[in-house]
Amino acid sequence: MTQKYLVEDARIEPLVTLIANDNWLEFTVRYIVNYQKHRATKDSLFTRILEEIGTTDRRVQFASTTVELVAPPTFRVNLEARNNGSEPAA
């Protein structure tokens, strides 16, 4: 396949990687697909992942952080006329 598509001698098998930090888990899915089918394939994969998560009896769930801005800060702006230094400011 690397010769057919002129791809460097890299790993072309499907791959799932995981990054874990103190706030979340991030999965990356890498796969080779015909460029004409990439959107449909991505949709199928995502749909299947959601279906599988739905079968976990809520042991696997999605979560997100929501931040609410309660009140905007007060800004005070004072605009003064400026001159070129030849006359004192009024």
PDB file of N, CA and C in Angstrom:
ATOM      1  N   MET A   1       0.829  -1.197   0.000  1.00  0.00           N
ATOM      2  CA  MET A   1       0.000   0.000   0.000  1.00  0.00           C
ATOM      3  C   MET A   1       0.874   1.261   0.000  1.00  0.00           C
ATOM      4  N   THR A   2       2.027   1.192   0.664  1.00  0.00           N
ATOM      5  CA  THR A   2       2.889   2.372   0.691  1.00  0.00           C
ATOM      6  C   THR A   2       3.400   2.717  -0.703  1.00  0.00           C
ATOM      7  N   GLN A   3       3.601   1.729  -1.546  1.00  0.00           N
ATOM      8  CA  GLN A   3       4.037   1.997  -2.926  1.00  0.00           C
ATOM      9  C   GLN A   3       2.890   2.531  -3.778  1.00  0.00           C
ATOM     10  N   LYS A   4       1.709   1.986  -3.603  1.00  0.00           N
ATOM     11  CA  LYS A   4       0.555   2.400  -4.400  1.00  0.00           C
ATOM     12  C   LYS A   4       0.193   3.855  -4.145  1.00  0.00           C
ATOM     13  N   TYR A   5       0.232   4.300  -2.889  1.00  0.00           N
ATOM     14  CA  TYR A   5      -0.191   5.657  -2.549  1.00  0.00           C
ATOM     15  C   TYR A   5       0.981   6.608  -2.290  1.00  0.00           C
ATOM     16  N   LEU A   6       2.211   6.122  -2.539  1.00  0.00           N
ATOM     17  CA  LEU A   6       3.410   6.938  -2.354  1.00  0.00           C
ATOM     18  C   LEU A   6       3.469   7.569  -0.967  1.00  0.00           C
ATOM     19  N   VAL A   7       3.165   6.750   0.018  1.00  0.00           N
ATOM     20  CA  VAL A   7       3.220   7.164   1.406  1.00  0.00           C
ATOM     21  C   VAL A   7       4.558   6.716   1.965  1.00  0.00           C
ATOM     22  N   GLU A   8       5.134   7.536   2.841  1.00  0.00           N
ATOM     23  CA  GLU A   8       6.384   7.125   3.470  1.00  0.00           C
ATOM     24  C   GLU A   8       6.185   5.794   4.166  1.00  0.00           C
ATOM     25  N   ASP A   9       7.251   5.119   4.443  1.00  0.00           N
ATOM     26  CA  ASP A   9       7.168   3.808   5.084  1.00  0.00           C
ATOM     27  C   ASP A   9       6.751   3.992   6.543  1.00  0.00           C
ATOM     28  N   ALA A  10       5.511   4.370   6.713  1.00  0.00           N
ATOM     29  CA  ALA A  10       4.968   4.628   8.044  1.00  0.00           C
ATOM     30  C   ALA A  10       3.902   3.588   8.357  1.00  0.00           C
ATOM     31  N   ARG A  11       3.499   3.581   9.581  1.00  0.00           N
ATOM     32  CA  ARG A  11       2.456   2.657  10.013  1.00  0.00           C
ATOM     33  C   ARG A  11       1.133   3.072   9.376  1.00  0.00           C
ATOM     34  N   ILE A  12       0.500   2.159   8.647  1.00  0.00           N
ATOM     35  CA  ILE A  12      -0.760   2.490   7.970  1.00  0.00           C
ATOM     36  C   ILE A  12      -1.929   1.655   8.484  1.00  0.00           C
ATOM     37  N   GLU A  13      -1.666   0.791   9.466  1.00  0.00           N
ATOM     38  CA  GLU A  13      -2.757   0.035  10.065  1.00  0.00           C
ATOM     39  C   GLU A  13      -3.575   0.978  10.944  1.00  0.00           C
ATOM     40  N   PRO A  14      -4.873   0.695  11.115  1.00  0.00           N
ATOM     41  CA  PRO A  14      -5.684   1.524  12.024  1.00  0.00           C
ATOM     42  C   PRO A  14      -5.040   1.567  13.408  1.00  0.00           C
ATOM     43  N   LEU A  15      -5.174   2.714  14.057  1.00  0.00           N
ATOM     44  CA  LEU A  15      -4.502   2.920  15.327  1.00  0.00           C
ATOM     45  C   LEU A  15      -5.379   3.758  16.243  1.00  0.00           C
ATOM     46  N   VAL A  16      -5.460   3.367  17.501  1.00  0.00           N
ATOM     47  CA  VAL A  16      -6.144   4.162  18.522  1.00  0.00           C
ATOM     48  C   VAL A  16      -5.119   4.486  19.591  1.00  0.00           C
ATOM     49  N   THR A  17      -4.978   5.779  19.896  1.00  0.00           N
ATOM     50  CA  THR A  17      -4.067   6.192  20.954  1.00  0.00           C
ATOM     51  C   THR A  17      -4.859   6.857  22.068  1.00  0.00           C
ATOM     52  N   LEU A  18      -4.289   6.887  23.244  1.00  0.00           N
ATOM     53  CA  LEU A  18      -4.944   7.457  24.421  1.00  0.00           C
ATOM     54  C   LEU A  18      -3.988   8.406  25.120  1.00  0.00           C
ATOM     55  N   ILE A  19      -4.502   9.591  25.426  1.00  0.00           N
ATOM     56  CA  ILE A  19      -3.780  10.556  26.258  1.00  0.00           C
ATOM     57  C   ILE A  19      -4.650  10.784  27.488  1.00  0.00           C
ATOM     58  N   ALA A  20      -4.059  10.621  28.665  1.00  0.00           N
ATOM     59  CA  ALA A  20      -4.792  10.826  29.918  1.00  0.00           C
ATOM     60  C   ALA A  20      -4.108  11.923  30.715  1.00  0.00           C
ATOM     61  N   ASN A  21      -4.894  12.877  31.188  1.00  0.00           N
ATOM     62  CA  ASN A  21      -4.361  13.875  32.108  1.00  0.00           C
ATOM     63  C   ASN A  21      -5.320  14.001  33.281  1.00  0.00           C
ATOM     64  N   ASP A  22      -5.145  15.011  34.105  1.00  0.00           N
ATOM     65  CA  ASP A  22      -5.966  15.107  35.321  1.00  0.00           C
ATOM     66  C   ASP A  22      -7.407  15.515  35.053  1.00  0.00           C
ATOM     67  N   ASN A  23      -7.743  15.912  33.833  1.00  0.00           N
ATOM     68  CA  ASN A  23      -9.106  16.376  33.550  1.00  0.00           C
ATOM     69  C   ASN A  23      -9.895  15.468  32.615  1.00  0.00           C
ATOM     70  N   TRP A  24      -9.246  14.751  31.719  1.00  0.00           N
ATOM     71  CA  TRP A  24     -10.011  13.967  30.746  1.00  0.00           C
ATOM     72  C   TRP A  24      -9.144  12.908  30.090  1.00  0.00           C
ATOM     73  N   LEU A  25      -9.807  12.072  29.314  1.00  0.00           N
ATOM     74  CA  LEU A  25      -9.148  11.090  28.459  1.00  0.00           C
ATOM     75  C   LEU A  25      -9.386  11.514  27.022  1.00  0.00           C
ATOM     76  N   GLU A  26      -8.353  11.483  26.224  1.00  0.00           N
ATOM     77  CA  GLU A  26      -8.483  11.873  24.817  1.00  0.00           C
ATOM     78  C   GLU A  26      -8.026  10.707  23.945  1.00  0.00           C
ATOM     79  N   PHE A  27      -8.947  10.212  23.136  1.00  0.00           N
ATOM     80  CA  PHE A  27      -8.633   9.142  22.211  1.00  0.00           C
ATOM     81  C   PHE A  27      -8.451   9.726  20.812  1.00  0.00           C
ATOM     82  N   THR A  28      -7.479   9.218  20.100  1.00  0.00           N
ATOM     83  CA  THR A  28      -7.272   9.592  18.704  1.00  0.00           C
ATOM     84  C   THR A  28      -7.385   8.313  17.878  1.00  0.00           C
ATOM     85  N   VAL A  29      -8.182   8.380  16.830  1.00  0.00           N
ATOM     86  CA  VAL A  29      -8.372   7.242  15.941  1.00  0.00           C
ATOM     87  C   VAL A  29      -7.763   7.605  14.594  1.00  0.00           C
ATOM     88  N   ARG A  30      -6.808   6.794  14.146  1.00  0.00           N
ATOM     89  CA  ARG A  30      -6.170   7.021  12.844  1.00  0.00           C
ATOM     90  C   ARG A  30      -6.470   5.827  11.955  1.00  0.00           C
ATOM     91  N   TYR A  31      -6.834   6.124  10.705  1.00  0.00           N
ATOM     92  CA  TYR A  31      -7.171   5.063   9.766  1.00  0.00           C
ATOM     93  C   TYR A  31      -7.003   5.593   8.344  1.00  0.00           C
ATOM     94  N   ILE A  32      -6.768   4.672   7.429  1.00  0.00           N
ATOM     95  CA  ILE A  32      -6.636   5.007   6.018  1.00  0.00           C
ATOM     96  C   ILE A  32      -7.975   4.734   5.353  1.00  0.00           C
ATOM     97  N   VAL A  33      -8.432   5.685   4.553  1.00  0.00           N
ATOM     98  CA  VAL A  33      -9.706   5.519   3.861  1.00  0.00           C
ATOM     99  C   VAL A  33      -9.649   6.286   2.540  1.00  0.00           C
ATOM    100  N   ASN A  34     -10.406   5.848   1.575  1.00  0.00           N
ATOM    101  CA  ASN A  34     -10.515   6.552   0.301  1.00  0.00           C
ATOM    102  C   ASN A  34     -10.984   7.978   0.573  1.00  0.00           C
ATOM    103  N   TYR A  35     -10.324   8.961  -0.033  1.00  0.00           N
ATOM    104  CA  TYR A  35     -10.668  10.361   0.241  1.00  0.00           C
ATOM    105  C   TYR A  35     -12.117  10.684  -0.092  1.00  0.00           C
ATOM    106  N   GLN A  36     -12.724   9.945  -1.000  1.00  0.00           N
ATOM    107  CA  GLN A  36     -14.122  10.201  -1.360  1.00  0.00           C
ATOM    108  C   GLN A  36     -15.084   9.676  -0.297  1.00  0.00           C
ATOM    109  N   LYS A  37     -14.599   8.870   0.596  1.00  0.00           N
ATOM    110  CA  LYS A  37     -15.463   8.268   1.616  1.00  0.00           C
ATOM    111  C   LYS A  37     -15.099   8.711   3.032  1.00  0.00           C
ATOM    112  N   HIS A  38     -14.222   9.718   3.171  1.00  0.00           N
ATOM    113  CA  HIS A  38     -13.742  10.041   4.521  1.00  0.00           C
ATOM    114  C   HIS A  38     -14.846  10.579   5.422  1.00  0.00           C
ATOM    115  N   ARG A  39     -15.756  11.382   4.910  1.00  0.00           N
ATOM    116  CA  ARG A  39     -16.831  11.910   5.772  1.00  0.00           C
ATOM    117  C   ARG A  39     -17.804  10.818   6.189  1.00  0.00           C
ATOM    118  N   ALA A  40     -18.183   9.989   5.240  1.00  0.00           N
ATOM    119  CA  ALA A  40     -19.108   8.900   5.566  1.00  0.00           C
ATOM    120  C   ALA A  40     -18.466   7.919   6.545  1.00  0.00           C
ATOM    121  N   THR A  41     -17.172   7.653   6.349  1.00  0.00           N
ATOM    122  CA  THR A  41     -16.471   6.740   7.247  1.00  0.00           C
ATOM    123  C   THR A  41     -16.367   7.332   8.646  1.00  0.00           C
ATOM    124  N   LYS A  42     -16.025   8.603   8.734  1.00  0.00           N
ATOM    125  CA  LYS A  42     -15.928   9.270  10.032  1.00  0.00           C
ATOM    126  C   LYS A  42     -17.280   9.255  10.737  1.00  0.00           C
ATOM    127  N   ASP A  43     -18.354   9.515  10.000  1.00  0.00           N
ATOM    128  CA  ASP A  43     -19.692   9.487  10.578  1.00  0.00           C
ATOM    129  C   ASP A  43     -20.037   8.078  11.071  1.00  0.00           C
ATOM    130  N   SER A  44     -19.719   7.081  10.285  1.00  0.00           N
ATOM    131  CA  SER A  44     -20.002   5.695  10.688  1.00  0.00           C
ATOM    132  C   SER A  44     -19.232   5.315  11.949  1.00  0.00           C
ATOM    133  N   LEU A  45     -17.954   5.686  11.991  1.00  0.00           N
ATOM    134  CA  LEU A  45     -17.157   5.381  13.180  1.00  0.00           C
ATOM    135  C   LEU A  45     -17.708   6.074  14.418  1.00  0.00           C
ATOM    136  N   PHE A  46     -18.027   7.362  14.291  1.00  0.00           N
ATOM    137  CA  PHE A  46     -18.541   8.111  15.432  1.00  0.00           C
ATOM    138  C   PHE A  46     -19.883   7.555  15.891  1.00  0.00           C
ATOM    139  N   THR A  47     -20.752   7.219  14.947  1.00  0.00           N
ATOM    140  CA  THR A  47     -22.047   6.636  15.286  1.00  0.00           C
ATOM    141  C   THR A  47     -21.862   5.317  16.023  1.00  0.00           C
ATOM    142  N   ARG A  48     -20.950   4.500  15.539  1.00  0.00           N
ATOM    143  CA  ARG A  48     -20.691   3.199  16.188  1.00  0.00           C
ATOM    144  C   ARG A  48     -20.132   3.385  17.591  1.00  0.00           C
ATOM    145  N   ILE A  49     -19.228   4.349  17.760  1.00  0.00           N
ATOM    146  CA  ILE A  49     -18.671   4.628  19.090  1.00  0.00           C
ATOM    147  C   ILE A  49     -19.787   5.049  20.045  1.00  0.00           C
ATOM    148  N   LEU A  50     -20.671   5.940  19.597  1.00  0.00           N
ATOM    149  CA  LEU A  50     -21.795   6.365  20.439  1.00  0.00           C
ATOM    150  C   LEU A  50     -22.705   5.200  20.794  1.00  0.00           C
ATOM    151  N   GLU A  51     -22.951   4.321  19.831  1.00  0.00           N
ATOM    152  CA  GLU A  51     -23.788   3.149  20.100  1.00  0.00           C
ATOM    153  C   GLU A  51     -23.136   2.247  21.150  1.00  0.00           C
ATOM    154  N   GLU A  52     -21.833   2.059  21.043  1.00  0.00           N
ATOM    155  CA  GLU A  52     -21.126   1.209  22.004  1.00  0.00           C
ATOM    156  C   GLU A  52     -21.117   1.843  23.390  1.00  0.00           C
ATOM    157  N   ILE A  53     -20.941   3.147  23.458  1.00  0.00           N
ATOM    158  CA  ILE A  53     -21.000   3.828  24.750  1.00  0.00           C
ATOM    159  C   ILE A  53     -22.389   3.665  25.366  1.00  0.00           C
ATOM    160  N   GLY A  54     -23.409   3.673  24.523  1.00  0.00           N
ATOM    161  CA  GLY A  54     -24.777   3.495  25.003  1.00  0.00           C
ATOM    162  C   GLY A  54     -25.042   2.125  25.603  1.00  0.00           C
ATOM    163  N   THR A  55     -24.203   1.155  25.309  1.00  0.00           N
ATOM    164  CA  THR A  55     -24.403  -0.196  25.849  1.00  0.00           C
ATOM    165  C   THR A  55     -23.661  -0.430  27.160  1.00  0.00           C
ATOM    166  N   THR A  56     -23.029   0.597  27.702  1.00  0.00           N
ATOM    167  CA  THR A  56     -22.188   0.419  28.897  1.00  0.00           C
ATOM    168  C   THR A  56     -22.953   0.594  30.202  1.00  0.00           C
ATOM    169  N   ASP A  57     -24.258   0.720  30.146  1.00  0.00           N
ATOM    170  CA  ASP A  57     -25.078   0.898  31.349  1.00  0.00           C
ATOM    171  C   ASP A  57     -24.573   2.078  32.184  1.00  0.00           C
ATOM    172  N   ARG A  58     -24.226   3.152  31.493  1.00  0.00           N
ATOM    173  CA  ARG A  58     -23.762   4.423  32.073  1.00  0.00           C
ATOM    174  C   ARG A  58     -22.416   4.316  32.795  1.00  0.00           C
ATOM    175  N   ARG A  59     -21.660   3.248  32.543  1.00  0.00           N
ATOM    176  CA  ARG A  59     -20.310   3.159  33.103  1.00  0.00           C
ATOM    177  C   ARG A  59     -19.347   4.059  32.338  1.00  0.00           C
ATOM    178  N   VAL A  60     -19.678   4.348  31.079  1.00  0.00           N
ATOM    179  CA  VAL A  60     -18.911   5.285  30.263  1.00  0.00           C
ATOM    180  C   VAL A  60     -19.869   6.402  29.872  1.00  0.00           C
ATOM    181  N   GLN A  61     -19.472   7.646  30.146  1.00  0.00           N
ATOM    182  CA  GLN A  61     -20.326   8.789  29.851  1.00  0.00           C
ATOM    183  C   GLN A  61     -19.485   9.933  29.297  1.00  0.00           C
ATOM    184  N   PHE A  62     -20.151  10.845  28.631  1.00  0.00           N
ATOM    185  CA  PHE A  62     -19.512  12.081  28.188  1.00  0.00           C
ATOM    186  C   PHE A  62     -19.675  13.123  29.284  1.00  0.00           C
ATOM    187  N   ALA A  63     -18.689  13.972  29.408  1.00  0.00           N
ATOM    188  CA  ALA A  63     -18.764  15.073  30.365  1.00  0.00           C
ATOM    189  C   ALA A  63     -18.116  16.294  29.727  1.00  0.00           C
ATOM    190  N   SER A  64     -18.517  17.452  30.190  1.00  0.00           N
ATOM    191  CA  SER A  64     -17.901  18.677  29.699  1.00  0.00           C
ATOM    192  C   SER A  64     -17.897  19.711  30.808  1.00  0.00           C
ATOM    193  N   THR A  65     -17.071  20.697  30.635  1.00  0.00           N
ATOM    194  CA  THR A  65     -16.986  21.791  31.591  1.00  0.00           C
ATOM    195  C   THR A  65     -17.776  22.967  31.051  1.00  0.00           C
ATOM    196  N   THR A  66     -18.590  23.562  31.899  1.00  0.00           N
ATOM    197  CA  THR A  66     -19.353  24.743  31.521  1.00  0.00           C
ATOM    198  C   THR A  66     -18.923  25.895  32.420  1.00  0.00           C
ATOM    199  N   VAL A  67     -18.594  27.002  31.801  1.00  0.00           N
ATOM    200  CA  VAL A  67     -18.189  28.183  32.556  1.00  0.00           C
ATOM    201  C   VAL A  67     -19.199  29.274  32.269  1.00  0.00           C
ATOM    202  N   GLU A  68     -19.708  29.894  33.326  1.00  0.00           N
ATOM    203  CA  GLU A  68     -20.699  30.952  33.161  1.00  0.00           C
ATOM    204  C   GLU A  68     -20.107  32.262  33.653  1.00  0.00           C
ATOM    205  N   LEU A  69     -20.181  33.270  32.829  1.00  0.00           N
ATOM    206  CA  LEU A  69     -19.747  34.599  33.227  1.00  0.00           C
ATOM    207  C   LEU A  69     -20.926  35.262  33.910  1.00  0.00           C
ATOM    208  N   VAL A  70     -20.832  35.459  35.214  1.00  0.00           N
ATOM    209  CA  VAL A  70     -21.955  35.960  36.001  1.00  0.00           C
ATOM    210  C   VAL A  70     -22.203  37.432  35.726  1.00  0.00           C
ATOM    211  N   ALA A  71     -21.174  38.233  35.780  1.00  0.00           N
ATOM    212  CA  ALA A  71     -21.329  39.668  35.529  1.00  0.00           C
ATOM    213  C   ALA A  71     -20.071  40.185  34.857  1.00  0.00           C
ATOM    214  N   PRO A  72     -20.221  40.961  33.824  1.00  0.00           N
ATOM    215  CA  PRO A  72     -19.018  41.498  33.174  1.00  0.00           C
ATOM    216  C   PRO A  72     -18.359  42.541  34.069  1.00  0.00           C
ATOM    217  N   PRO A  73     -17.060  42.699  33.971  1.00  0.00           N
ATOM    218  CA  PRO A  73     -16.391  43.703  34.786  1.00  0.00           C
ATOM    219  C   PRO A  73     -16.756  45.112  34.322  1.00  0.00           C
ATOM    220  N   THR A  74     -16.602  46.081  35.208  1.00  0.00           N
ATOM    221  CA  THR A  74     -16.869  47.478  34.885  1.00  0.00           C
ATOM    222  C   THR A  74     -15.599  48.095  34.319  1.00  0.00           C
ATOM    223  N   PHE A  75     -15.743  48.784  33.214  1.00  0.00           N
ATOM    224  CA  PHE A  75     -14.619  49.476  32.602  1.00  0.00           C
ATOM    225  C   PHE A  75     -14.870  50.977  32.683  1.00  0.00           C
ATOM    226  N   ARG A  76     -13.870  51.698  33.109  1.00  0.00           N
ATOM    227  CA  ARG A  76     -13.959  53.168  33.123  1.00  0.00           C
ATOM    228  C   ARG A  76     -12.939  53.683  32.122  1.00  0.00           C
ATOM    229  N   VAL A  77     -13.428  54.490  31.205  1.00  0.00           N
ATOM    230  CA  VAL A  77     -12.567  55.029  30.163  1.00  0.00           C
ATOM    231  C   VAL A  77     -12.616  56.539  30.240  1.00  0.00           C
ATOM    232  N   ASN A  78     -11.457  57.153  30.289  1.00  0.00           N
ATOM    233  CA  ASN A  78     -11.365  58.600  30.326  1.00  0.00           C
ATOM    234  C   ASN A  78     -10.617  59.049  29.078  1.00  0.00           C
ATOM    235  N   LEU A  79     -11.317  59.727  28.191  1.00  0.00           N
ATOM    236  CA  LEU A  79     -10.704  60.200  26.953  1.00  0.00           C
ATOM    237  C   LEU A  79     -10.388  61.677  27.095  1.00  0.00           C
ATOM    238  N   GLU A  80      -9.150  62.026  26.925  1.00  0.00           N
ATOM    239  CA  GLU A  80      -8.733  63.415  26.986  1.00  0.00           C
ATOM    240  C   GLU A  80      -8.157  63.806  25.634  1.00  0.00           C
ATOM    241  N   ALA A  81      -8.407  65.063  25.250  1.00  0.00           N
ATOM    242  CA  ALA A  81      -7.840  65.559  24.002  1.00  0.00           C
ATOM    243  C   ALA A  81      -6.336  65.672  24.158  1.00  0.00           C
ATOM    244  N   ARG A  82      -5.610  65.302  23.133  1.00  0.00           N
ATOM    245  CA  ARG A  82      -4.151  65.416  23.144  1.00  0.00           C
ATOM    246  C   ARG A  82      -3.740  66.449  22.115  1.00  0.00           C
ATOM    247  N   ASN A  83      -2.656  67.131  22.407  1.00  0.00           N
ATOM    248  CA  ASN A  83      -2.130  68.081  21.426  1.00  0.00           C
ATOM    249  C   ASN A  83      -0.683  67.726  21.135  1.00  0.00           C
ATOM    250  N   ASN A  84      -0.073  68.495  20.268  1.00  0.00           N
ATOM    251  CA  ASN A  84       1.294  68.184  19.887  1.00  0.00           C
ATOM    252  C   ASN A  84       2.338  68.756  20.833  1.00  0.00           C
ATOM    253  N   GLY A  85       1.914  69.322  21.964  1.00  0.00           N
ATOM    254  CA  GLY A  85       2.833  69.835  22.952  1.00  0.00           C
ATOM    255  C   GLY A  85       3.042  71.330  22.879  1.00  0.00           C
ATOM    256  N   SER A  86       2.533  71.990  21.842  1.00  0.00           N
ATOM    257  CA  SER A  86       2.754  73.422  21.730  1.00  0.00           C
ATOM    258  C   SER A  86       1.749  74.233  22.540  1.00  0.00           C
ATOM    259  N   GLU A  87       0.595  73.652  22.842  1.00  0.00           N
ATOM    260  CA  GLU A  87      -0.419  74.357  23.634  1.00  0.00           C
ATOM    261  C   GLU A  87      -0.730  73.523  24.867  1.00  0.00           C
ATOM    262  N   PRO A  88      -0.985  74.169  25.970  1.00  0.00           N
ATOM    263  CA  PRO A  88      -1.382  73.399  27.168  1.00  0.00           C
ATOM    264  C   PRO A  88      -2.759  72.777  26.961  1.00  0.00           C
ATOM    265  N   ALA A  89      -2.954  71.593  27.511  1.00  0.00           N
ATOM    266  CA  ALA A  89      -4.257  70.923  27.403  1.00  0.00           C
ATOM    267  C   ALA A  89      -5.270  71.692  28.205  1.00  0.00           C
ATOM    268  N   ALA A  90      -6.500  71.766  27.726  1.00  0.00           N
ATOM    269  CA  ALA A  90      -7.568  72.508  28.412  1.00  0.00           C
ATOM    270  C   ALA A  90      -8.096  71.728  29.568  1.00  0.00           C
TER     271      ALA A  90
END
